PDB file of N, CA and C in Angstrom:
ATOM      1  N   UNK A   1      -1.608 -44.343  45.977  1.00  0.00           N
ATOM      2  CA  UNK A   1      -0.894 -44.471  44.708  1.00  0.00           C
ATOM      3  C   UNK A   1      -0.246 -45.845  44.668  1.00  0.00           C
ATOM      4  N   UNK A   2      -0.449 -46.526  43.548  1.00  0.00           N
ATOM      5  CA  UNK A   2       0.114 -47.856  43.385  1.00  0.00           C
ATOM      6  C   UNK A   2       1.605 -47.823  43.084  1.00  0.00           C
ATOM      7  N   UNK A   3       2.204 -48.990  43.070  1.00  0.00           N
ATOM      8  CA  UNK A   3       3.655 -49.097  42.885  1.00  0.00           C
ATOM      9  C   UNK A   3       4.106 -48.624  41.492  1.00  0.00           C
ATOM     10  N   UNK A   4       3.340 -48.931  40.470  1.00  0.00           N
ATOM     11  CA  UNK A   4       3.732 -48.511  39.126  1.00  0.00           C
ATOM     12  C   UNK A   4       3.581 -47.000  38.981  1.00  0.00           C
ATOM     13  N   UNK A   5       2.491 -46.450  39.482  1.00  0.00           N
ATOM     14  CA  UNK A   5       2.300 -44.995  39.452  1.00  0.00           C
ATOM     15  C   UNK A   5       3.424 -44.298  40.212  1.00  0.00           C
ATOM     16  N   UNK A   6       3.807 -44.846  41.356  1.00  0.00           N
ATOM     17  CA  UNK A   6       4.895 -44.258  42.146  1.00  0.00           C
ATOM     18  C   UNK A   6       6.225 -44.325  41.393  1.00  0.00           C
ATOM     19  N   UNK A   7       6.459 -45.427  40.698  1.00  0.00           N
ATOM     20  CA  UNK A   7       7.685 -45.568  39.899  1.00  0.00           C
ATOM     21  C   UNK A   7       7.714 -44.539  38.776  1.00  0.00           C
ATOM     22  N   UNK A   8       6.580 -44.367  38.095  1.00  0.00           N
ATOM     23  CA  UNK A   8       6.487 -43.365  37.027  1.00  0.00           C
ATOM     24  C   UNK A   8       6.781 -41.974  37.598  1.00  0.00           C
ATOM     25  N   UNK A   9       6.163 -41.664  38.719  1.00  0.00           N
ATOM     26  CA  UNK A   9       6.362 -40.357  39.346  1.00  0.00           C
ATOM     27  C   UNK A   9       7.828 -40.153  39.735  1.00  0.00           C
ATOM     28  N   UNK A  10       8.439 -41.154  40.345  1.00  0.00           N
ATOM     29  CA  UNK A  10       9.844 -41.047  40.755  1.00  0.00           C
ATOM     30  C   UNK A  10      10.769 -40.851  39.556  1.00  0.00           C
ATOM     31  N   UNK A  11      10.553 -41.625  38.500  1.00  0.00           N
ATOM     32  CA  UNK A  11      11.424 -41.521  37.326  1.00  0.00           C
ATOM     33  C   UNK A  11      11.304 -40.153  36.644  1.00  0.00           C
ATOM     34  N   UNK A  12      10.076 -39.669  36.499  1.00  0.00           N
ATOM     35  CA  UNK A  12       9.887 -38.379  35.835  1.00  0.00           C
ATOM     36  C   UNK A  12      10.365 -37.223  36.707  1.00  0.00           C
ATOM     37  N   UNK A  13      10.219 -37.360  38.017  1.00  0.00           N
ATOM     38  CA  UNK A  13      10.715 -36.324  38.924  1.00  0.00           C
ATOM     39  C   UNK A  13      12.235 -36.235  38.853  1.00  0.00           C
ATOM     40  N   UNK A  14      12.901 -37.376  38.894  1.00  0.00           N
ATOM     41  CA  UNK A  14      14.372 -37.355  38.861  1.00  0.00           C
ATOM     42  C   UNK A  14      14.912 -36.916  37.499  1.00  0.00           C
ATOM     43  N   UNK A  15      14.194 -37.237  36.431  1.00  0.00           N
ATOM     44  CA  UNK A  15      14.677 -36.905  35.086  1.00  0.00           C
ATOM     45  C   UNK A  15      14.426 -35.456  34.698  1.00  0.00           C
ATOM     46  N   UNK A  16      13.283 -34.890  35.136  1.00  0.00           N
ATOM     47  CA  UNK A  16      12.877 -33.589  34.600  1.00  0.00           C
ATOM     48  C   UNK A  16      12.634 -32.504  35.646  1.00  0.00           C
ATOM     49  N   UNK A  17      12.683 -32.840  36.937  1.00  0.00           N
ATOM     50  CA  UNK A  17      12.447 -31.860  38.002  1.00  0.00           C
ATOM     51  C   UNK A  17      11.221 -30.996  37.682  1.00  0.00           C
ATOM     52  N   UNK A  18      10.064 -31.607  37.518  1.00  0.00           N
ATOM     53  CA  UNK A  18       8.882 -30.869  37.071  1.00  0.00           C
ATOM     54  C   UNK A  18       8.328 -29.907  38.120  1.00  0.00           C
ATOM     55  N   UNK A  19       7.742 -28.833  37.638  1.00  0.00           N
ATOM     56  CA  UNK A  19       7.036 -27.914  38.537  1.00  0.00           C
ATOM     57  C   UNK A  19       5.612 -28.426  38.770  1.00  0.00           C
ATOM     58  N   UNK A  20       5.119 -29.267  37.887  1.00  0.00           N
ATOM     59  CA  UNK A  20       3.822 -29.922  38.035  1.00  0.00           C
ATOM     60  C   UNK A  20       3.961 -31.343  37.520  1.00  0.00           C
ATOM     61  N   UNK A  21       3.444 -32.283  38.273  1.00  0.00           N
ATOM     62  CA  UNK A  21       3.436 -33.673  37.830  1.00  0.00           C
ATOM     63  C   UNK A  21       2.247 -34.380  38.466  1.00  0.00           C
ATOM     64  N   UNK A  22       1.395 -34.899  37.624  1.00  0.00           N
ATOM     65  CA  UNK A  22       0.269 -35.712  38.068  1.00  0.00           C
ATOM     66  C   UNK A  22       0.350 -37.041  37.339  1.00  0.00           C
ATOM     67  N   UNK A  23       0.275 -38.107  38.088  1.00  0.00           N
ATOM     68  CA  UNK A  23       0.236 -39.452  37.524  1.00  0.00           C
ATOM     69  C   UNK A  23      -1.106 -40.038  37.952  1.00  0.00           C
ATOM     70  N   UNK A  24      -2.009 -40.136  37.005  1.00  0.00           N
ATOM     71  CA  UNK A  24      -3.377 -40.546  37.286  1.00  0.00           C
ATOM     72  C   UNK A  24      -3.585 -41.960  36.755  1.00  0.00           C
ATOM     73  N   UNK A  25      -3.918 -42.865  37.658  1.00  0.00           N
ATOM     74  CA  UNK A  25      -4.190 -44.251  37.274  1.00  0.00           C
ATOM     75  C   UNK A  25      -5.609 -44.318  36.715  1.00  0.00           C
ATOM     76  N   UNK A  26      -5.720 -44.601  35.434  1.00  0.00           N
ATOM     77  CA  UNK A  26      -7.018 -44.701  34.767  1.00  0.00           C
ATOM     78  C   UNK A  26      -7.371 -46.147  34.437  1.00  0.00           C
ATOM     79  N   UNK A  27      -6.715 -47.074  35.093  1.00  0.00           N
ATOM     80  CA  UNK A  27      -6.903 -48.493  34.791  1.00  0.00           C
ATOM     81  C   UNK A  27      -8.349 -48.929  34.957  1.00  0.00           C
ATOM     82  N   UNK A  28      -9.023 -48.377  35.932  1.00  0.00           N
ATOM     83  CA  UNK A  28     -10.414 -48.764  36.186  1.00  0.00           C
ATOM     84  C   UNK A  28     -11.320 -48.439  34.990  1.00  0.00           C
ATOM     85  N   UNK A  29     -10.917 -47.473  34.175  1.00  0.00           N
ATOM     86  CA  UNK A  29     -11.697 -47.108  32.994  1.00  0.00           C
ATOM     87  C   UNK A  29     -11.499 -48.089  31.843  1.00  0.00           C
ATOM     88  N   UNK A  30     -10.489 -48.948  31.981  1.00  0.00           N
ATOM     89  CA  UNK A  30     -10.112 -49.859  30.899  1.00  0.00           C
ATOM     90  C   UNK A  30     -10.080 -51.309  31.363  1.00  0.00           C
ATOM     91  N   UNK A  31     -10.767 -51.615  32.432  1.00  0.00           N
ATOM     92  CA  UNK A  31     -10.705 -52.953  33.033  1.00  0.00           C
ATOM     93  C   UNK A  31     -11.103 -54.060  32.070  1.00  0.00           C
ATOM     94  N   UNK A  32     -11.924 -53.748  31.088  1.00  0.00           N
ATOM     95  CA  UNK A  32     -12.365 -54.764  30.127  1.00  0.00           C
ATOM     96  C   UNK A  32     -11.398 -54.957  28.965  1.00  0.00           C
ATOM     97  N   UNK A  33     -10.370 -54.113  28.855  1.00  0.00           N
ATOM     98  CA  UNK A  33      -9.411 -54.235  27.756  1.00  0.00           C
ATOM     99  C   UNK A  33      -8.480 -55.424  27.984  1.00  0.00           C
ATOM    100  N   UNK A  34      -8.058 -56.017  26.907  1.00  0.00           N
ATOM    101  CA  UNK A  34      -7.205 -57.201  26.981  1.00  0.00           C
ATOM    102  C   UNK A  34      -5.903 -56.934  27.726  1.00  0.00           C
ATOM    103  N   UNK A  35      -5.267 -55.800  27.474  1.00  0.00           N
ATOM    104  CA  UNK A  35      -3.989 -55.491  28.128  1.00  0.00           C
ATOM    105  C   UNK A  35      -4.123 -55.373  29.626  1.00  0.00           C
ATOM    106  N   UNK A  36      -5.174 -54.735  30.092  1.00  0.00           N
ATOM    107  CA  UNK A  36      -5.405 -54.576  31.524  1.00  0.00           C
ATOM    108  C   UNK A  36      -5.710 -55.927  32.166  1.00  0.00           C
ATOM    109  N   UNK A  37      -6.544 -56.708  31.513  1.00  0.00           N
ATOM    110  CA  UNK A  37      -6.918 -58.017  32.050  1.00  0.00           C
ATOM    111  C   UNK A  37      -5.702 -58.942  32.102  1.00  0.00           C
ATOM    112  N   UNK A  38      -4.903 -58.954  31.047  1.00  0.00           N
ATOM    113  CA  UNK A  38      -3.725 -59.819  31.010  1.00  0.00           C
ATOM    114  C   UNK A  38      -2.740 -59.442  32.109  1.00  0.00           C
ATOM    115  N   UNK A  39      -2.570 -58.157  32.341  1.00  0.00           N
ATOM    116  CA  UNK A  39      -1.644 -57.715  33.374  1.00  0.00           C
ATOM    117  C   UNK A  39      -2.100 -58.202  34.741  1.00  0.00           C
ATOM    118  N   UNK A  40      -3.357 -58.026  35.052  1.00  0.00           N
ATOM    119  CA  UNK A  40      -3.880 -58.441  36.347  1.00  0.00           C
ATOM    120  C   UNK A  40      -3.879 -59.963  36.480  1.00  0.00           C
ATOM    121  N   UNK A  41      -4.247 -60.672  35.411  1.00  0.00           N
ATOM    122  CA  UNK A  41      -4.288 -62.136  35.439  1.00  0.00           C
ATOM    123  C   UNK A  41      -2.903 -62.749  35.643  1.00  0.00           C
ATOM    124  N   UNK A  42      -1.853 -62.023  35.245  1.00  0.00           N
ATOM    125  CA  UNK A  42      -0.486 -62.529  35.379  1.00  0.00           C
ATOM    126  C   UNK A  42       0.171 -62.071  36.676  1.00  0.00           C
ATOM    127  N   UNK A  43      -0.636 -61.729  37.662  1.00  0.00           N
ATOM    128  CA  UNK A  43      -0.100 -61.378  38.972  1.00  0.00           C
ATOM    129  C   UNK A  43       0.288 -59.928  39.116  1.00  0.00           C
ATOM    130  N   UNK A  44      -0.035 -59.091  38.148  1.00  0.00           N
ATOM    131  CA  UNK A  44       0.298 -57.670  38.227  1.00  0.00           C
ATOM    132  C   UNK A  44      -0.607 -56.935  39.195  1.00  0.00           C
ATOM    133  N   UNK A  45      -0.311 -55.686  39.383  1.00  0.00           N
ATOM    134  CA  UNK A  45      -1.042 -54.866  40.346  1.00  0.00           C
ATOM    135  C   UNK A  45      -2.394 -54.404  39.821  1.00  0.00           C
ATOM    136  N   UNK A  46      -2.629 -54.596  38.536  1.00  0.00           N
ATOM    137  CA  UNK A  46      -3.851 -54.087  37.937  1.00  0.00           C
ATOM    138  C   UNK A  46      -3.675 -52.692  37.386  1.00  0.00           C
ATOM    139  N   UNK A  47      -2.518 -52.089  37.654  1.00  0.00           N
ATOM    140  CA  UNK A  47      -2.212 -50.754  37.113  1.00  0.00           C
ATOM    141  C   UNK A  47      -1.728 -50.942  35.677  1.00  0.00           C
ATOM    142  N   UNK A  48      -2.462 -50.396  34.709  1.00  0.00           N
ATOM    143  CA  UNK A  48      -2.084 -50.625  33.323  1.00  0.00           C
ATOM    144  C   UNK A  48      -2.270 -49.408  32.423  1.00  0.00           C
ATOM    145  N   UNK A  49      -3.120 -48.475  32.822  1.00  0.00           N
ATOM    146  CA  UNK A  49      -3.442 -47.305  31.999  1.00  0.00           C
ATOM    147  C   UNK A  49      -3.252 -46.038  32.841  1.00  0.00           C
ATOM    148  N   UNK A  50      -2.479 -45.107  32.317  1.00  0.00           N
ATOM    149  CA  UNK A  50      -2.175 -43.891  33.062  1.00  0.00           C
ATOM    150  C   UNK A  50      -2.341 -42.645  32.207  1.00  0.00           C
ATOM    151  N   UNK A  51      -2.614 -41.552  32.898  1.00  0.00           N
ATOM    152  CA  UNK A  51      -2.574 -40.227  32.289  1.00  0.00           C
ATOM    153  C   UNK A  51      -1.539 -39.447  33.080  1.00  0.00           C
ATOM    154  N   UNK A  52      -0.518 -38.974  32.392  1.00  0.00           N
ATOM    155  CA  UNK A  52       0.537 -38.185  33.017  1.00  0.00           C
ATOM    156  C   UNK A  52       0.422 -36.756  32.517  1.00  0.00           C
ATOM    157  N   UNK A  53       0.375 -35.836  33.466  1.00  0.00           N
ATOM    158  CA  UNK A  53       0.392 -34.401  33.164  1.00  0.00           C
ATOM    159  C   UNK A  53       1.672 -33.858  33.770  1.00  0.00           C
ATOM    160  N   UNK A  54       2.512 -33.265  32.934  1.00  0.00           N
ATOM    161  CA  UNK A  54       3.809 -32.805  33.410  1.00  0.00           C
ATOM    162  C   UNK A  54       4.139 -31.424  32.846  1.00  0.00           C
ATOM    163  N   UNK A  55       4.678 -30.586  33.701  1.00  0.00           N
ATOM    164  CA  UNK A  55       5.221 -29.298  33.300  1.00  0.00           C
ATOM    165  C   UNK A  55       6.657 -29.248  33.827  1.00  0.00           C
ATOM    166  N   UNK A  56       7.602 -29.052  32.935  1.00  0.00           N
ATOM    167  CA  UNK A  56       9.005 -29.007  33.328  1.00  0.00           C
ATOM    168  C   UNK A  56       9.770 -28.101  32.371  1.00  0.00           C
ATOM    169  N   UNK A  57      10.632 -27.306  32.919  1.00  0.00           N
ATOM    170  CA  UNK A  57      11.433 -26.369  32.122  1.00  0.00           C
ATOM    171  C   UNK A  57      12.150 -27.089  30.978  1.00  0.00           C
ATOM    172  N   UNK A  58      12.752 -28.223  31.290  1.00  0.00           N
ATOM    173  CA  UNK A  58      13.500 -28.962  30.266  1.00  0.00           C
ATOM    174  C   UNK A  58      12.610 -29.382  29.104  1.00  0.00           C
ATOM    175  N   UNK A  59      11.370 -29.729  29.387  1.00  0.00           N
ATOM    176  CA  UNK A  59      10.461 -30.180  28.334  1.00  0.00           C
ATOM    177  C   UNK A  59       9.889 -29.019  27.535  1.00  0.00           C
ATOM    178  N   UNK A  60       9.693 -27.862  28.158  1.00  0.00           N
ATOM    179  CA  UNK A  60       9.127 -26.726  27.433  1.00  0.00           C
ATOM    180  C   UNK A  60      10.118 -26.164  26.423  1.00  0.00           C
ATOM    181  N   UNK A  61      11.391 -26.485  26.581  1.00  0.00           N
ATOM    182  CA  UNK A  61      12.407 -26.025  25.641  1.00  0.00           C
ATOM    183  C   UNK A  61      12.505 -26.931  24.416  1.00  0.00           C
ATOM    184  N   UNK A  62      11.768 -28.033  24.440  1.00  0.00           N
ATOM    185  CA  UNK A  62      11.779 -28.994  23.334  1.00  0.00           C
ATOM    186  C   UNK A  62      10.525 -28.829  22.490  1.00  0.00           C
ATOM    187  N   UNK A  63      10.578 -29.348  21.270  1.00  0.00           N
ATOM    188  CA  UNK A  63       9.347 -29.427  20.481  1.00  0.00           C
ATOM    189  C   UNK A  63       8.406 -30.407  21.185  1.00  0.00           C
ATOM    190  N   UNK A  64       7.149 -30.352  20.849  1.00  0.00           N
ATOM    191  CA  UNK A  64       6.170 -31.254  21.475  1.00  0.00           C
ATOM    192  C   UNK A  64       6.570 -32.720  21.243  1.00  0.00           C
ATOM    193  N   UNK A  65       6.983 -33.041  20.028  1.00  0.00           N
ATOM    194  CA  UNK A  65       7.384 -34.406  19.715  1.00  0.00           C
ATOM    195  C   UNK A  65       8.613 -34.824  20.521  1.00  0.00           C
ATOM    196  N   UNK A  66       9.600 -33.959  20.605  1.00  0.00           N
ATOM    197  CA  UNK A  66      10.812 -34.278  21.362  1.00  0.00           C
ATOM    198  C   UNK A  66      10.508 -34.454  22.846  1.00  0.00           C
ATOM    199  N   UNK A  67       9.611 -33.634  23.379  1.00  0.00           N
ATOM    200  CA  UNK A  67       9.228 -33.752  24.786  1.00  0.00           C
ATOM    201  C   UNK A  67       8.541 -35.092  25.043  1.00  0.00           C
ATOM    202  N   UNK A  68       7.645 -35.481  24.158  1.00  0.00           N
ATOM    203  CA  UNK A  68       6.961 -36.763  24.308  1.00  0.00           C
ATOM    204  C   UNK A  68       7.961 -37.909  24.213  1.00  0.00           C
ATOM    205  N   UNK A  69       8.880 -37.815  23.282  1.00  0.00           N
ATOM    206  CA  UNK A  69       9.907 -38.868  23.147  1.00  0.00           C
ATOM    207  C   UNK A  69      10.768 -38.959  24.402  1.00  0.00           C
ATOM    208  N   UNK A  70      11.134 -37.813  24.973  1.00  0.00           N
ATOM    209  CA  UNK A  70      11.964 -37.806  26.176  1.00  0.00           C
ATOM    210  C   UNK A  70      11.256 -38.505  27.337  1.00  0.00           C
ATOM    211  N   UNK A  71       9.985 -38.220  27.501  1.00  0.00           N
ATOM    212  CA  UNK A  71       9.214 -38.867  28.571  1.00  0.00           C
ATOM    213  C   UNK A  71       9.095 -40.363  28.293  1.00  0.00           C
ATOM    214  N   UNK A  72       8.748 -40.718  27.073  1.00  0.00           N
ATOM    215  CA  UNK A  72       8.580 -42.128  26.738  1.00  0.00           C
ATOM    216  C   UNK A  72       9.901 -42.896  26.850  1.00  0.00           C
ATOM    217  N   UNK A  73      11.006 -42.262  26.492  1.00  0.00           N
ATOM    218  CA  UNK A  73      12.313 -42.903  26.655  1.00  0.00           C
ATOM    219  C   UNK A  73      12.588 -43.192  28.129  1.00  0.00           C
ATOM    220  N   UNK A  74      12.230 -42.257  28.984  1.00  0.00           N
ATOM    221  CA  UNK A  74      12.464 -42.424  30.424  1.00  0.00           C
ATOM    222  C   UNK A  74      11.594 -43.541  30.997  1.00  0.00           C
ATOM    223  N   UNK A  75      10.439 -43.760  30.395  1.00  0.00           N
ATOM    224  CA  UNK A  75       9.506 -44.788  30.884  1.00  0.00           C
ATOM    225  C   UNK A  75       9.515 -46.051  30.023  1.00  0.00           C
ATOM    226  N   UNK A  76      10.576 -46.252  29.265  1.00  0.00           N
ATOM    227  CA  UNK A  76      10.649 -47.391  28.337  1.00  0.00           C
ATOM    228  C   UNK A  76      10.451 -48.726  29.042  1.00  0.00           C
ATOM    229  N   UNK A  77      11.020 -48.891  30.209  1.00  0.00           N
ATOM    230  CA  UNK A  77      10.897 -50.161  30.936  1.00  0.00           C
ATOM    231  C   UNK A  77       9.437 -50.436  31.316  1.00  0.00           C
ATOM    232  N   UNK A  78       8.749 -49.414  31.786  1.00  0.00           N
ATOM    233  CA  UNK A  78       7.342 -49.569  32.166  1.00  0.00           C
ATOM    234  C   UNK A  78       6.462 -49.818  30.938  1.00  0.00           C
ATOM    235  N   UNK A  79       6.764 -49.128  29.848  1.00  0.00           N
ATOM    236  CA  UNK A  79       5.975 -49.293  28.625  1.00  0.00           C
ATOM    237  C   UNK A  79       6.182 -50.682  28.009  1.00  0.00           C
ATOM    238  N   UNK A  80       7.344 -51.273  28.238  1.00  0.00           N
ATOM    239  CA  UNK A  80       7.628 -52.610  27.711  1.00  0.00           C
ATOM    240  C   UNK A  80       7.016 -53.705  28.586  1.00  0.00           C
ATOM    241  N   UNK A  81       6.604 -53.327  29.780  1.00  0.00           N
ATOM    242  CA  UNK A  81       6.079 -54.326  30.706  1.00  0.00           C
ATOM    243  C   UNK A  81       4.675 -54.026  31.170  1.00  0.00           C
ATOM    244  N   UNK A  82       4.557 -53.519  32.377  1.00  0.00           N
ATOM    245  CA  UNK A  82       3.229 -53.439  32.996  1.00  0.00           C
ATOM    246  C   UNK A  82       2.290 -52.371  32.437  1.00  0.00           C
ATOM    247  N   UNK A  83       2.823 -51.326  31.817  1.00  0.00           N
ATOM    248  CA  UNK A  83       1.952 -50.248  31.337  1.00  0.00           C
ATOM    249  C   UNK A  83       1.468 -50.577  29.934  1.00  0.00           C
ATOM    250  N   UNK A  84       0.160 -50.649  29.804  1.00  0.00           N
ATOM    251  CA  UNK A  84      -0.459 -50.963  28.516  1.00  0.00           C
ATOM    252  C   UNK A  84      -0.689 -49.695  27.700  1.00  0.00           C
ATOM    253  N   UNK A  85      -1.013 -48.586  28.382  1.00  0.00           N
ATOM    254  CA  UNK A  85      -1.303 -47.330  27.679  1.00  0.00           C
ATOM    255  C   UNK A  85      -0.937 -46.147  28.563  1.00  0.00           C
ATOM    256  N   UNK A  86      -0.424 -45.111  27.914  1.00  0.00           N
ATOM    257  CA  UNK A  86      -0.059 -43.884  28.615  1.00  0.00           C
ATOM    258  C   UNK A  86      -0.562 -42.694  27.808  1.00  0.00           C
ATOM    259  N   UNK A  87      -1.410 -41.917  28.436  1.00  0.00           N
ATOM    260  CA  UNK A  87      -1.865 -40.657  27.833  1.00  0.00           C
ATOM    261  C   UNK A  87      -1.001 -39.584  28.456  1.00  0.00           C
ATOM    262  N   UNK A  88      -0.351 -38.803  27.605  1.00  0.00           N
ATOM    263  CA  UNK A  88       0.637 -37.841  28.085  1.00  0.00           C
ATOM    264  C   UNK A  88       0.232 -36.422  27.707  1.00  0.00           C
ATOM    265  N   UNK A  89       0.224 -35.551  28.704  1.00  0.00           N
ATOM    266  CA  UNK A  89      -0.009 -34.128  28.485  1.00  0.00           C
ATOM    267  C   UNK A  89       1.214 -33.384  28.977  1.00  0.00           C
ATOM    268  N   UNK A  90       1.936 -32.767  28.045  1.00  0.00           N
ATOM    269  CA  UNK A  90       3.086 -31.937  28.421  1.00  0.00           C
ATOM    270  C   UNK A  90       2.565 -30.500  28.406  1.00  0.00           C
ATOM    271  N   UNK A  91       2.352 -29.977  29.608  1.00  0.00           N
ATOM    272  CA  UNK A  91       1.803 -28.620  29.729  1.00  0.00           C
ATOM    273  C   UNK A  91       2.887 -27.607  29.431  1.00  0.00           C
ATOM    274  N   UNK A  92       2.492 -26.562  28.768  1.00  0.00           N
ATOM    275  CA  UNK A  92       3.440 -25.514  28.382  1.00  0.00           C
ATOM    276  C   UNK A  92       3.191 -24.260  29.163  1.00  0.00           C
TER     277      UNK A  92
END
């Protein structure tokens, strides 16, 4: 697991205490995209595209939109920097 994936996992674990959490680096599927290339060309780790699957009591009590916003708010720093795309599945 790369450093950005580990950071995502740590932040979501501390924020939501999930019963399930998978952080899947899908950057290799998007290597030709401008965002992925720019990140790697600027000295980044090459980690730019992720799929997060999370199940957490706190999130299941929210609407789907509110749950997505809560996760995205927690990952705002990563989304503003190294993460180009995040596919999010909030399992119920």
